[in-house]
All heavy atoms as atom14 arrays in JSON, in Angstrom:
{
  "sequence": "YILINRRDFPAPTATLKMGNVWLKSDVEAWIAEKRPHLLESDEE",
  "atom14_mask": [
    [1, 1, 1, 1, 1, 1, 1, 1, 1, 1, 1, 1, 0, 0],
    [1, 1, 1, 1, 1, 1, 1, 1, 0, 0, 0, 0, 0, 0],
    [1, 1, 1, 1, 1, 1, 1, 1, 0, 0, 0, 0, 0, 0],
    [1, 1, 1, 1, 1, 1, 1, 1, 0, 0, 0, 0, 0, 0],
    [1, 1, 1, 1, 1, 1, 1, 1, 0, 0, 0, 0, 0, 0],
    [1, 1, 1, 1, 1, 1, 1, 1, 1, 1, 1, 0, 0, 0],
    [1, 1, 1, 1, 1, 1, 1, 1, 1, 1, 1, 0, 0, 0],
    [1, 1, 1, 1, 1, 1, 1, 1, 0, 0, 0, 0, 0, 0],
    [1, 1, 1, 1, 1, 1, 1, 1, 1, 1, 1, 0, 0, 0],
    [1, 1, 1, 1, 1, 1, 1, 0, 0, 0, 0, 0, 0, 0],
    [1, 1, 1, 1, 1, 0, 0, 0, 0, 0, 0, 0, 0, 0],
    [1, 1, 1, 1, 1, 1, 1, 0, 0, 0, 0, 0, 0, 0],
    [1, 1, 1, 1, 1, 1, 1, 0, 0, 0, 0, 0, 0, 0],
    [1, 1, 1, 1, 1, 0, 0, 0, 0, 0, 0, 0, 0, 0],
    [1, 1, 1, 1, 1, 1, 1, 0, 0, 0, 0, 0, 0, 0],
    [1, 1, 1, 1, 1, 1, 1, 1, 0, 0, 0, 0, 0, 0],
    [1, 1, 1, 1, 1, 1, 1, 1, 1, 0, 0, 0, 0, 0],
    [1, 1, 1, 1, 1, 1, 1, 1, 0, 0, 0, 0, 0, 0],
    [1, 1, 1, 1, 0, 0, 0, 0, 0, 0, 0, 0, 0, 0],
    [1, 1, 1, 1, 1, 1, 1, 1, 0, 0, 0, 0, 0, 0],
    [1, 1, 1, 1, 1, 1, 1, 0, 0, 0, 0, 0, 0, 0],
    [1, 1, 1, 1, 1, 1, 1, 1, 1, 1, 1, 1, 1, 1],
    [1, 1, 1, 1, 1, 1, 1, 1, 0, 0, 0, 0, 0, 0],
    [1, 1, 1, 1, 1, 1, 1, 1, 1, 0, 0, 0, 0, 0],
    [1, 1, 1, 1, 1, 1, 0, 0, 0, 0, 0, 0, 0, 0],
    [1, 1, 1, 1, 1, 1, 1, 1, 0, 0, 0, 0, 0, 0],
    [1, 1, 1, 1, 1, 1, 1, 0, 0, 0, 0, 0, 0, 0],
    [1, 1, 1, 1, 1, 1, 1, 1, 1, 0, 0, 0, 0, 0],
    [1, 1, 1, 1, 1, 0, 0, 0, 0, 0, 0, 0, 0, 0],
    [1, 1, 1, 1, 1, 1, 1, 1, 1, 1, 1, 1, 1, 1],
    [1, 1, 1, 1, 1, 1, 1, 1, 0, 0, 0, 0, 0, 0],
    [1, 1, 1, 1, 1, 0, 0, 0, 0, 0, 0, 0, 0, 0],
    [1, 1, 1, 1, 1, 1, 1, 1, 1, 0, 0, 0, 0, 0],
    [1, 1, 1, 1, 1, 1, 1, 1, 1, 0, 0, 0, 0, 0],
    [1, 1, 1, 1, 1, 1, 1, 1, 1, 1, 1, 0, 0, 0],
    [1, 1, 1, 1, 1, 1, 1, 0, 0, 0, 0, 0, 0, 0],
    [1, 1, 1, 1, 1, 1, 1, 1, 1, 1, 0, 0, 0, 0],
    [1, 1, 1, 1, 1, 1, 1, 1, 0, 0, 0, 0, 0, 0],
    [1, 1, 1, 1, 1, 1, 1, 1, 0, 0, 0, 0, 0, 0],
    [1, 1, 1, 1, 1, 1, 1, 1, 1, 0, 0, 0, 0, 0],
    [1, 1, 1, 1, 1, 1, 0, 0, 0, 0, 0, 0, 0, 0],
    [1, 1, 1, 1, 1, 1, 1, 1, 0, 0, 0, 0, 0, 0],
    [1, 1, 1, 1, 1, 1, 1, 1, 1, 0, 0, 0, 0, 0],
    [1, 1, 1, 1, 1, 1, 1, 1, 1, 0, 0, 0, 0, 0]
  ],
  "atom14_positions": [
    [[-109.52, -96.49, -37.4], [-109.09, -97.44, -38.43], [-110.24, -97.84, -39.34], [-110.05, -98.06, -40.53], [-108.4, -98.65, -37.81], [-106.97, -98.34, -37.47], [-106.59, -98.01, -36.17], [-105.99, -98.34, -38.46], [-105.28, -97.69, -35.87], [-104.67, -98.02, -38.16], [-104.33, -97.7, -36.87], [-103.03, -97.37, -36.58], [0.0, 0.0, 0.0], [0.0, 0.0, 0.0]],
    [[-111.45, -97.91, -38.79], [-112.62, -98.19, -39.64], [-112.81, -97.07, -40.64], [-113.0, -97.31, -41.84], [-113.88, -98.39, -38.77], [-113.78, -99.71, -38.0], [-115.15, -98.35, -39.63], [-114.82, -99.9, -36.92], [0.0, 0.0, 0.0], [0.0, 0.0, 0.0], [0.0, 0.0, 0.0], [0.0, 0.0, 0.0], [0.0, 0.0, 0.0], [0.0, 0.0, 0.0]],
    [[-112.72, -95.82, -40.17], [-112.93, -94.68, -41.06], [-111.86, -94.57, -42.13], [-112.16, -94.32, -43.3], [-113.01, -93.39, -40.25], [-114.26, -93.19, -39.43], [-114.16, -91.89, -38.62], [-115.5, -93.18, -40.29], [0.0, 0.0, 0.0], [0.0, 0.0, 0.0], [0.0, 0.0, 0.0], [0.0, 0.0, 0.0], [0.0, 0.0, 0.0], [0.0, 0.0, 0.0]],
    [[-110.6, -94.73, -41.75], [-109.52, -94.54, -42.74], [-109.49, -95.66, -43.78], [-108.86, -95.5, -44.82], [-108.13, -94.34, -42.08], [-107.7, -95.57, -41.3], [-108.12, -93.11, -41.22], [-106.33, -95.45, -40.65], [0.0, 0.0, 0.0], [0.0, 0.0, 0.0], [0.0, 0.0, 0.0], [0.0, 0.0, 0.0], [0.0, 0.0, 0.0], [0.0, 0.0, 0.0]],
    [[-110.19, -96.73, -43.52], [-110.28, -97.81, -44.5], [-111.53, -97.74, -45.37], [-111.72, -98.58, -46.25], [-110.19, -99.17, -43.81], [-108.77, -99.47, -43.37], [-107.86, -99.48, -44.19], [-108.57, -99.67, -42.09], [0.0, 0.0, 0.0], [0.0, 0.0, 0.0], [0.0, 0.0, 0.0], [0.0, 0.0, 0.0], [0.0, 0.0, 0.0], [0.0, 0.0, 0.0]],
    [[-112.36, -96.73, -45.16], [-113.55, -96.55, -45.99], [-113.15, -96.07, -47.38], [-112.14, -95.38, -47.55], [-114.49, -95.51, -45.35], [-115.21, -96.03, -44.15], [-116.03, -94.99, -43.45], [-116.74, -94.07, -44.36], [-117.79, -93.37, -44.01], [-118.28, -93.46, -42.79], [-118.37, -92.56, -44.87], [0.0, 0.0, 0.0], [0.0, 0.0, 0.0], [0.0, 0.0, 0.0]],
    [[-113.95, -96.41, -48.36], [-113.67, -96.0, -49.74], [-113.73, -94.5, -49.93], [-113.06, -93.96, -50.8], [-114.65, -96.66, -50.7], [-114.43, -98.12, -50.86], [-115.39, -98.71, -51.85], [-115.15, -100.14, -51.94], [-115.47, -100.86, -52.98], [-116.07, -100.3, -54.0], [-115.21, -102.14, -52.99], [0.0, 0.0, 0.0], [0.0, 0.0, 0.0], [0.0, 0.0, 0.0]],
    [[-114.54, -93.8, -49.12], [-114.67, -92.36, -49.29], [-113.63, -91.55, -48.51], [-113.58, -90.34, -48.62], [-116.08, -91.89, -48.94], [-116.42, -92.04, -47.46], [-115.74, -92.81, -46.75], [-117.38, -91.4, -47.02], [0.0, 0.0, 0.0], [0.0, 0.0, 0.0], [0.0, 0.0, 0.0], [0.0, 0.0, 0.0], [0.0, 0.0, 0.0], [0.0, 0.0, 0.0]],
    [[-112.77, -92.23, -47.75], [-111.71, -91.52, -47.03], [-110.56, -91.28, -48.0], [-110.28, -92.11, -48.87], [-111.23, -92.34, -45.82], [-110.5, -91.5, -44.81], [-111.21, -90.75, -43.89], [-109.12, -91.44, -44.8], [-110.55, -89.95, -42.96], [-108.46, -90.65, -43.88], [-109.16, -89.9, -42.96], [0.0, 0.0, 0.0], [0.0, 0.0, 0.0], [0.0, 0.0, 0.0]],
    [[-109.88, -90.14, -47.9], [-108.77, -89.86, -48.83], [-107.71, -90.96, -48.82], [-107.45, -91.58, -47.77], [-108.18, -88.56, -48.3], [-109.19, -87.98, -47.39], [-110.04, -89.1, -46.9], [0.0, 0.0, 0.0], [0.0, 0.0, 0.0], [0.0, 0.0, 0.0], [0.0, 0.0, 0.0], [0.0, 0.0, 0.0], [0.0, 0.0, 0.0], [0.0, 0.0, 0.0]],
    [[-107.1, -91.15, -49.95], [-105.99, -92.11, -50.05], [-104.79, -91.55, -49.29], [-104.58, -90.33, -49.28], [-105.62, -92.34, -51.5], [0.0, 0.0, 0.0], [0.0, 0.0, 0.0], [0.0, 0.0, 0.0], [0.0, 0.0, 0.0], [0.0, 0.0, 0.0], [0.0, 0.0, 0.0], [0.0, 0.0, 0.0], [0.0, 0.0, 0.0], [0.0, 0.0, 0.0]],
    [[-104.02, -92.41, -48.65], [-102.83, -91.91, -47.95], [-101.83, -91.32, -48.94], [-101.75, -91.74, -50.09], [-102.25, -93.15, -47.27], [-102.97, -94.32, -47.83], [-104.18, -93.85, -48.52], [0.0, 0.0, 0.0], [0.0, 0.0, 0.0], [0.0, 0.0, 0.0], [0.0, 0.0, 0.0], [0.0, 0.0, 0.0], [0.0, 0.0, 0.0], [0.0, 0.0, 0.0]],
    [[-101.1, -90.34, -48.46], [-100.07, -89.7, -49.27], [-98.84, -90.58, -49.37], [-98.17, -90.62, -50.39], [-99.69, -88.34, -48.65], [-100.86, -87.52, -48.67], [-98.59, -87.66, -49.4], [0.0, 0.0, 0.0], [0.0, 0.0, 0.0], [0.0, 0.0, 0.0], [0.0, 0.0, 0.0], [0.0, 0.0, 0.0], [0.0, 0.0, 0.0], [0.0, 0.0, 0.0]],
    [[-98.55, -91.29, -48.29], [-97.39, -92.18, -48.25], [-97.62, -93.27, -47.22], [-98.44, -93.13, -46.31], [-96.12, -91.4, -47.88], [0.0, 0.0, 0.0], [0.0, 0.0, 0.0], [0.0, 0.0, 0.0], [0.0, 0.0, 0.0], [0.0, 0.0, 0.0], [0.0, 0.0, 0.0], [0.0, 0.0, 0.0], [0.0, 0.0, 0.0], [0.0, 0.0, 0.0]],
    [[-96.9, -94.37, -47.4], [-96.91, -95.45, -46.43], [-95.5, -95.59, -45.89], [-94.55, -95.81, -46.64], [-97.38, -96.76, -47.08], [-98.7, -96.57, -47.59], [-97.4, -97.89, -46.07], [0.0, 0.0, 0.0], [0.0, 0.0, 0.0], [0.0, 0.0, 0.0], [0.0, 0.0, 0.0], [0.0, 0.0, 0.0], [0.0, 0.0, 0.0], [0.0, 0.0, 0.0]],
    [[-95.37, -95.44, -44.58], [-94.09, -95.56, -43.9], [-94.1, -96.81, -43.05], [-95.14, -97.47, -42.92], [-93.87, -94.33, -43.01], [-94.04, -92.96, -43.68], [-93.95, -91.85, -42.64], [-93.01, -92.77, -44.77], [0.0, 0.0, 0.0], [0.0, 0.0, 0.0], [0.0, 0.0, 0.0], [0.0, 0.0, 0.0], [0.0, 0.0, 0.0], [0.0, 0.0, 0.0]],
    [[-92.99, -97.14, -42.43], [-92.96, -98.3, -41.55], [-93.96, -98.17, -40.41], [-94.53, -99.14, -39.96], [-91.56, -98.51, -40.98], [-90.6, -99.1, -41.98], [-89.27, -99.4, -41.33], [-88.34, -100.03, -42.34], [-87.06, -100.4, -41.72], [0.0, 0.0, 0.0], [0.0, 0.0, 0.0], [0.0, 0.0, 0.0], [0.0, 0.0, 0.0], [0.0, 0.0, 0.0]],
    [[-94.18, -96.93, -39.95], [-95.12, -96.7, -38.85], [-96.57, -96.73, -39.32], [-97.48, -96.75, -38.51], [-94.84, -95.38, -38.13], [-94.84, -94.12, -38.99], [-96.37, -93.46, -39.65], [-97.22, -92.95, -38.21], [0.0, 0.0, 0.0], [0.0, 0.0, 0.0], [0.0, 0.0, 0.0], [0.0, 0.0, 0.0], [0.0, 0.0, 0.0], [0.0, 0.0, 0.0]],
    [[-96.79, -96.72, -40.61], [-98.15, -96.76, -41.15], [-98.38, -95.69, -42.2], [-97.45, -95.04, -42.66], [0.0, 0.0, 0.0], [0.0, 0.0, 0.0], [0.0, 0.0, 0.0], [0.0, 0.0, 0.0], [0.0, 0.0, 0.0], [0.0, 0.0, 0.0], [0.0, 0.0, 0.0], [0.0, 0.0, 0.0], [0.0, 0.0, 0.0], [0.0, 0.0, 0.0]],
    [[-99.62, -95.53, -42.57], [-99.99, -94.56, -43.59], [-99.99, -93.15, -43.02], [-100.23, -92.94, -41.83], [-101.39, -94.86, -44.14], [-101.43, -96.15, -44.93], [-100.46, -96.54, -45.55], [-102.56, -96.81, -44.91], [0.0, 0.0, 0.0], [0.0, 0.0, 0.0], [0.0, 0.0, 0.0], [0.0, 0.0, 0.0], [0.0, 0.0, 0.0], [0.0, 0.0, 0.0]],
    [[-99.74, -92.18, -43.9], [-99.86, -90.77, -43.55], [-100.67, -90.07, -44.62], [-100.64, -90.44, -45.79], [-98.49, -90.08, -43.36], [-97.78, -90.59, -42.12], [-97.61, -90.23, -44.58], [0.0, 0.0, 0.0], [0.0, 0.0, 0.0], [0.0, 0.0, 0.0], [0.0, 0.0, 0.0], [0.0, 0.0, 0.0], [0.0, 0.0, 0.0], [0.0, 0.0, 0.0]],
    [[-101.42, -89.06, -44.19], [-102.29, -88.3, -45.06], [-101.92, -86.84, -44.98], [-101.43, -86.36, -43.96], [-103.74, -88.44, -44.61], [-104.33, -89.79, -44.8], [-105.13, -90.19, -45.82], [-104.19, -90.93, -43.96], [-105.48, -91.5, -45.68], [-104.91, -91.99, -44.53], [-103.51, -91.17, -42.77], [-104.99, -93.25, -43.96], [-103.58, -92.43, -42.2], [-104.31, -93.45, -42.8]],
    [[-102.18, -86.11, -46.06], [-102.06, -84.67, -46.01], [-103.16, -84.14, -45.1], [-104.33, -84.55, -45.21], [-102.22, -84.05, -47.39], [-101.1, -84.26, -48.39], [-101.49, -83.69, -49.74], [-99.81, -83.61, -47.88], [0.0, 0.0, 0.0], [0.0, 0.0, 0.0], [0.0, 0.0, 0.0], [0.0, 0.0, 0.0], [0.0, 0.0, 0.0], [0.0, 0.0, 0.0]],
    [[-102.81, -83.25, -44.2], [-103.8, -82.69, -43.29], [-104.92, -82.02, -44.09], [-106.1, -82.11, -43.73], [-103.15, -81.69, -42.34], [-104.12, -81.12, -41.34], [-103.46, -80.19, -40.35], [-104.5, -79.67, -39.36], [-103.9, -78.76, -38.39], [0.0, 0.0, 0.0], [0.0, 0.0, 0.0], [0.0, 0.0, 0.0], [0.0, 0.0, 0.0], [0.0, 0.0, 0.0]],
    [[-104.57, -81.36, -45.18], [-105.59, -80.67, -45.99], [-106.6, -81.66, -46.57], [-107.8, -81.35, -46.65], [-104.93, -79.87, -47.11], [-104.16, -80.71, -47.94], [0.0, 0.0, 0.0], [0.0, 0.0, 0.0], [0.0, 0.0, 0.0], [0.0, 0.0, 0.0], [0.0, 0.0, 0.0], [0.0, 0.0, 0.0], [0.0, 0.0, 0.0], [0.0, 0.0, 0.0]],
    [[-106.16, -82.86, -46.95], [-107.08, -83.88, -47.46], [-108.02, -84.36, -46.37], [-109.22, -84.55, -46.59], [-106.32, -85.08, -48.04], [-105.6, -84.77, -49.34], [-105.87, -83.71, -49.94], [-104.76, -85.6, -49.74], [0.0, 0.0, 0.0], [0.0, 0.0, 0.0], [0.0, 0.0, 0.0], [0.0, 0.0, 0.0], [0.0, 0.0, 0.0], [0.0, 0.0, 0.0]],
    [[-107.47, -84.58, -45.17], [-108.29, -85.04, -44.04], [-109.29, -83.96, -43.65], [-110.47, -84.24, -43.44], [-107.41, -85.44, -42.84], [-108.26, -85.79, -41.63], [-106.51, -86.62, -43.21], [0.0, 0.0, 0.0], [0.0, 0.0, 0.0], [0.0, 0.0, 0.0], [0.0, 0.0, 0.0], [0.0, 0.0, 0.0], [0.0, 0.0, 0.0], [0.0, 0.0, 0.0]],
    [[-108.84, -82.7, -43.61], [-109.74, -81.61, -43.24], [-110.84, -81.43, -44.28], [-111.98, -81.12, -43.93], [-108.96, -80.31, -43.03], [-108.07, -80.32, -41.79], [-108.83, -80.46, -40.48], [-110.01, -80.07, -40.41], [-108.24, -80.96, -39.51], [0.0, 0.0, 0.0], [0.0, 0.0, 0.0], [0.0, 0.0, 0.0], [0.0, 0.0, 0.0], [0.0, 0.0, 0.0]],
    [[-110.53, -81.63, -45.56], [-111.56, -81.55, -46.61], [-112.59, -82.65, -46.42], [-113.8, -82.43, -46.58], [-110.91, -81.63, -47.99], [0.0, 0.0, 0.0], [0.0, 0.0, 0.0], [0.0, 0.0, 0.0], [0.0, 0.0, 0.0], [0.0, 0.0, 0.0], [0.0, 0.0, 0.0], [0.0, 0.0, 0.0], [0.0, 0.0, 0.0], [0.0, 0.0, 0.0]],
    [[-112.13, -83.86, -46.06], [-113.05, -84.97, -45.79], [-113.94, -84.64, -44.59], [-115.14, -84.87, -44.61], [-112.27, -86.26, -45.55], [-113.13, -87.46, -45.33], [-113.65, -88.28, -46.28], [-113.59, -87.97, -44.07], [-114.4, -89.27, -45.69], [-114.38, -89.1, -44.33], [-113.4, -87.58, -42.75], [-114.98, -89.85, -43.33], [-114.01, -88.32, -41.74], [-114.78, -89.44, -42.04]],
    [[-113.34, -84.08, -43.54], [-114.11, -83.7, -42.36], [-115.15, -82.65, -42.73], [-116.31, -82.73, -42.3], [-113.18, -83.18, -41.23], [-112.35, -84.35, -40.67], [-113.97, -82.5, -40.12], [-111.23, -83.95, -39.74], [0.0, 0.0, 0.0], [0.0, 0.0, 0.0], [0.0, 0.0, 0.0], [0.0, 0.0, 0.0], [0.0, 0.0, 0.0], [0.0, 0.0, 0.0]],
    [[-114.77, -81.66, -43.53], [-115.7, -80.61, -43.94], [-116.91, -81.19, -44.68], [-118.03, -80.71, -44.51], [-114.99, -79.59, -44.82], [0.0, 0.0, 0.0], [0.0, 0.0, 0.0], [0.0, 0.0, 0.0], [0.0, 0.0, 0.0], [0.0, 0.0, 0.0], [0.0, 0.0, 0.0], [0.0, 0.0, 0.0], [0.0, 0.0, 0.0], [0.0, 0.0, 0.0]],
    [[-116.67, -82.23, -45.47], [-117.75, -82.84, -46.23], [-118.57, -83.83, -45.4], [-119.8, -83.83, -45.46], [-117.18, -83.58, -47.44], [-118.23, -84.24, -48.3], [-117.65, -85.0, -49.48], [-116.49, -84.76, -49.85], [-118.38, -85.87, -50.01], [0.0, 0.0, 0.0], [0.0, 0.0, 0.0], [0.0, 0.0, 0.0], [0.0, 0.0, 0.0], [0.0, 0.0, 0.0]],
    [[-117.91, -84.66, -44.62], [-118.59, -85.76, -43.93], [-118.92, -85.5, -42.47], [-119.83, -86.11, -41.92], [-117.72, -87.03, -43.99], [-117.33, -87.46, -45.38], [-118.53, -87.93, -46.16], [-118.09, -88.42, -47.53], [-119.2, -88.91, -48.32], [0.0, 0.0, 0.0], [0.0, 0.0, 0.0], [0.0, 0.0, 0.0], [0.0, 0.0, 0.0], [0.0, 0.0, 0.0]],
    [[-118.17, -84.61, -41.82], [-118.36, -84.33, -40.4], [-118.29, -82.82, -40.14], [-117.48, -82.35, -39.33], [-117.28, -85.02, -39.55], [-117.11, -86.52, -39.76], [-118.25, -87.29, -39.12], [-118.0, -88.7, -39.01], [-118.18, -89.59, -39.97], [-118.59, -89.2, -41.16], [-117.97, -90.88, -39.78], [0.0, 0.0, 0.0], [0.0, 0.0, 0.0], [0.0, 0.0, 0.0]],
    [[-119.11, -82.03, -40.82], [-118.99, -80.57, -40.71], [-119.16, -80.02, -39.3], [-118.62, -78.97, -38.98], [-120.07, -80.04, -41.66], [-121.03, -81.17, -41.83], [-120.22, -82.43, -41.68], [0.0, 0.0, 0.0], [0.0, 0.0, 0.0], [0.0, 0.0, 0.0], [0.0, 0.0, 0.0], [0.0, 0.0, 0.0], [0.0, 0.0, 0.0], [0.0, 0.0, 0.0]],
    [[-119.85, -80.74, -38.44], [-120.03, -80.28, -37.06], [-118.7, -80.21, -36.3], [-118.6, -79.53, -35.29], [-121.01, -81.18, -36.32], [-120.55, -82.6, -36.19], [-120.63, -83.51, -37.22], [-119.98, -83.25, -35.15], [-120.13, -84.67, -36.82], [-119.73, -84.54, -35.57], [0.0, 0.0, 0.0], [0.0, 0.0, 0.0], [0.0, 0.0, 0.0], [0.0, 0.0, 0.0]],
    [[-117.66, -80.88, -36.81], [-116.36, -80.87, -36.15], [-115.51, -79.66, -36.55], [-114.48, -79.4, -35.94], [-115.59, -82.15, -36.46], [-116.2, -83.43, -35.88], [-115.42, -84.65, -36.35], [-116.25, -83.37, -34.38], [0.0, 0.0, 0.0], [0.0, 0.0, 0.0], [0.0, 0.0, 0.0], [0.0, 0.0, 0.0], [0.0, 0.0, 0.0], [0.0, 0.0, 0.0]],
    [[-115.92, -78.92, -37.56], [-115.13, -77.78, -38.01], [-115.05, -76.69, -36.96], [-114.03, -76.05, -36.8], [-115.7, -77.21, -39.31], [-115.58, -78.11, -40.52], [-116.24, -77.44, -41.72], [-114.14, -78.45, -40.83], [0.0, 0.0, 0.0], [0.0, 0.0, 0.0], [0.0, 0.0, 0.0], [0.0, 0.0, 0.0], [0.0, 0.0, 0.0], [0.0, 0.0, 0.0]],
    [[-116.11, -76.48, -36.22], [-116.13, -75.44, -35.19], [-115.12, -75.67, -34.1], [-114.6, -74.74, -33.53], [-117.52, -75.35, -34.58], [-118.58, -74.94, -35.58], [-119.98, -75.01, -35.0], [-120.12, -75.32, -33.81], [-120.92, -74.77, -35.76], [0.0, 0.0, 0.0], [0.0, 0.0, 0.0], [0.0, 0.0, 0.0], [0.0, 0.0, 0.0], [0.0, 0.0, 0.0]],
    [[-114.78, -76.94, -33.84], [-113.84, -77.24, -32.76], [-112.38, -77.21, -33.21], [-111.48, -77.41, -32.43], [-114.15, -78.62, -32.17], [-113.89, -79.63, -33.12], [0.0, 0.0, 0.0], [0.0, 0.0, 0.0], [0.0, 0.0, 0.0], [0.0, 0.0, 0.0], [0.0, 0.0, 0.0], [0.0, 0.0, 0.0], [0.0, 0.0, 0.0], [0.0, 0.0, 0.0]],
    [[-112.15, -76.92, -34.49], [-110.77, -76.9, -35.01], [-110.19, -75.5, -34.84], [-110.3, -74.66, -35.69], [-110.75, -77.31, -36.49], [-109.33, -77.43, -37.03], [-108.4, -77.58, -36.23], [-109.18, -77.37, -38.25], [0.0, 0.0, 0.0], [0.0, 0.0, 0.0], [0.0, 0.0, 0.0], [0.0, 0.0, 0.0], [0.0, 0.0, 0.0], [0.0, 0.0, 0.0]],
    [[-109.54, -75.25, -33.69], [-109.0, -73.95, -33.4], [-107.52, -73.82, -33.75], [-106.98, -72.74, -33.78], [-109.18, -73.62, -31.91], [-110.64, -73.5, -31.51], [-111.37, -72.38, -32.26], [-110.75, -71.33, -32.48], [-112.54, -72.56, -32.59], [0.0, 0.0, 0.0], [0.0, 0.0, 0.0], [0.0, 0.0, 0.0], [0.0, 0.0, 0.0], [0.0, 0.0, 0.0]],
    [[-106.83, -74.95, -33.98], [-105.4, -74.88, -34.31], [-105.22, -74.76, -35.81], [-106.0, -75.24, -36.59], [-104.64, -76.07, -33.75], [-105.05, -77.4, -34.36], [-104.26, -78.54, -33.77], [-103.04, -78.41, -33.65], [-104.87, -79.54, -33.41], [0.0, 0.0, 0.0], [0.0, 0.0, 0.0], [0.0, 0.0, 0.0], [0.0, 0.0, 0.0], [0.0, 0.0, 0.0]]
  ]
}
C-alpha cells in the first residue's frame, strides 16, 4: 500500500468496490524501471 500510493507508481486503471486495479503491463513496466532485480523471478 505504501508503494501503490507513491507518485511514481502507475495510476490505477479503475476503482472498484474491492479497490483499485492496475494493468499488469503498467505494473511490470514500473517493476522493470524501479525493481529490475525482480524481473528474473517472473516466470509466469
